[in-house]
Protein backbone atom coordinates (compact mmCIF):
# COMPACT_ATOMS: atom_id res chain seq x y z
CA MET A 1 -17.02 -48.79 -20.20
CA LEU A 2 -14.42 -47.17 -18.05
CA LEU A 3 -12.27 -49.28 -15.87
CA ALA A 4 -11.26 -48.26 -12.30
CA GLY A 5 -8.02 -46.26 -12.35
CA ALA A 6 -8.21 -45.63 -16.14
CA PRO A 7 -7.90 -42.08 -17.21
CA PHE A 8 -11.00 -40.31 -18.38
CA PRO A 9 -10.92 -39.98 -22.19
CA ARG A 10 -10.37 -36.48 -23.43
CA ALA A 11 -12.93 -35.36 -26.04
CA GLY A 12 -14.34 -32.08 -27.02
CA PRO A 13 -13.42 -28.96 -28.95
CA PHE A 14 -11.83 -27.19 -25.98
CA ASP A 15 -9.43 -29.82 -24.81
CA SER A 16 -6.78 -29.65 -27.50
CA ASP A 17 -3.31 -28.24 -26.81
CA ALA A 18 -3.77 -25.76 -29.67
CA ASP A 19 -6.34 -23.85 -27.69
CA THR A 20 -3.98 -23.29 -24.86
CA GLU A 21 -1.40 -21.70 -27.23
CA LYS A 22 -4.04 -19.18 -28.45
CA ARG A 23 -4.83 -17.84 -24.98
CA GLU A 24 -3.63 -14.29 -24.47
CA GLU A 25 -2.47 -12.64 -21.24
CA PRO A 26 -5.23 -10.72 -19.39
CA VAL A 27 -5.60 -7.14 -20.28
CA VAL A 28 -4.84 -4.60 -17.54
CA LYS A 29 -7.01 -1.53 -17.25
CA LEU A 30 -6.57 1.61 -15.32
CA ARG A 31 -10.04 2.33 -14.02
CA LEU A 32 -11.94 3.99 -11.08
CA MET A 33 -12.95 1.94 -8.13
CA ARG A 34 -15.81 3.39 -6.04
CA MET A 35 -15.23 4.03 -2.42
CA GLY A 36 -16.99 6.08 0.30
CA LYS A 37 -20.46 6.04 1.82
CA THR A 38 -23.81 6.05 0.12
CA LYS A 39 -24.27 9.23 -1.93
CA GLN A 40 -20.72 10.36 -0.87
CA PRO A 41 -18.50 8.74 -3.58
CA THR A 42 -14.72 8.91 -3.66
CA TYR A 43 -12.70 6.90 -6.08
CA ARG A 44 -9.42 5.09 -6.27
CA ILE A 45 -7.60 4.96 -9.61
CA VAL A 46 -6.36 1.32 -9.81
CA ALA A 47 -4.67 -1.02 -12.22
CA ALA A 48 -6.96 -4.11 -12.46
CA ASP A 49 -7.49 -7.14 -14.65
CA ALA A 50 -10.21 -6.25 -17.11
CA ARG A 51 -12.27 -9.36 -16.15
CA SER A 52 -12.50 -8.43 -12.49
CA PRO A 53 -15.57 -6.47 -11.20
CA ARG A 54 -15.45 -2.66 -10.67
CA ASN A 55 -14.94 -2.94 -6.89
CA GLY A 56 -13.18 -6.24 -7.00
CA ARG A 57 -9.62 -7.50 -7.09
CA PHE A 58 -7.00 -4.92 -8.28
CA ILE A 59 -3.29 -5.00 -8.84
CA GLN A 60 -2.16 -1.61 -7.60
CA ILE A 61 -3.53 1.69 -6.46
CA VAL A 62 -2.30 4.57 -8.79
CA GLY A 63 -4.17 7.45 -7.29
CA HIS A 64 -7.33 8.96 -5.75
CA TYR A 65 -10.11 11.13 -7.08
CA ASP A 66 -12.61 13.02 -4.89
CA PRO A 67 -15.33 14.79 -7.14
CA ARG A 68 -17.19 16.21 -4.15
CA GLN A 69 -14.54 18.79 -3.19
CA GLU A 70 -14.42 22.16 -4.83
CA PRO A 71 -12.39 22.06 -7.02
CA SER A 72 -12.25 18.23 -7.42
CA ALA A 73 -9.19 16.65 -5.68
CA ILE A 74 -7.04 14.53 -7.99
CA THR A 75 -3.95 12.73 -6.60
CA VAL A 76 -1.98 10.54 -9.04
CA ASP A 77 1.40 8.91 -8.61
CA ASN A 78 2.54 9.78 -12.18
CA ASP A 79 5.49 7.29 -12.12
CA LYS A 80 3.17 4.37 -11.37
CA ALA A 81 0.69 5.45 -14.01
CA VAL A 82 3.31 5.94 -16.66
CA ALA A 83 4.80 2.54 -15.76
CA TRP A 84 1.45 0.87 -16.29
CA LEU A 85 0.81 2.68 -19.51
CA GLN A 86 4.28 1.51 -20.81
CA LYS A 87 3.37 -2.01 -19.85
CA GLY A 88 0.27 -1.74 -22.08
CA ALA A 89 -2.45 -0.98 -19.59
CA GLN A 90 -5.51 0.68 -21.21
CA PRO A 91 -7.13 3.55 -19.28
CA THR A 92 -10.87 4.07 -19.26
CA GLU A 93 -12.32 7.32 -20.61
CA ALA A 94 -12.70 8.89 -17.18
CA VAL A 95 -9.28 7.80 -16.03
CA ALA A 96 -7.71 9.02 -19.31
CA LYS A 97 -9.11 12.53 -18.51
CA LEU A 98 -7.79 12.39 -15.00
CA LEU A 99 -4.36 11.34 -16.18
CA LYS A 100 -4.31 14.16 -18.65
CA ILE A 101 -5.15 16.70 -15.90
CA SER A 102 -2.42 15.22 -13.62
CA GLY A 103 0.17 15.39 -16.50
CA ALA A 104 0.78 11.62 -16.58
CA MET A 105 -0.45 11.33 -20.12
CA ASP A 106 2.01 14.11 -21.25
CA GLN A 107 4.76 12.36 -19.42
CA PHE A 108 3.88 9.02 -21.04
CA SER A 109 3.77 10.47 -24.53
CA GLY A 110 7.19 12.24 -23.87
CA ALA A 111 8.62 8.94 -22.72
CA ALA A 112 7.28 6.96 -25.63
CA SER A 113 8.90 9.35 -28.17
């Protein structure tokens, strides 16, 4: 029986302090965020928490990609991209290709050496 004003007893496998020490910081990903009208896509290259949805919350815009132009238009702020890569952000496959085209990956590998 619980008395009024008494704290609720903590019980369960997820309530221990040891679990809070095991938690890691969220992983940041560099990924594409779809913009534009129906059947007319343009994309933003963003740094976002891996748990957030594709078009959801993001941390910073790193660049833009327009696949509908001929040739495709890619605008990337290489300094921002390299800064995120140095902080441990993981690019998706598509973004990794775009960063390679823009030269940010070469700049990152040169800075890491």
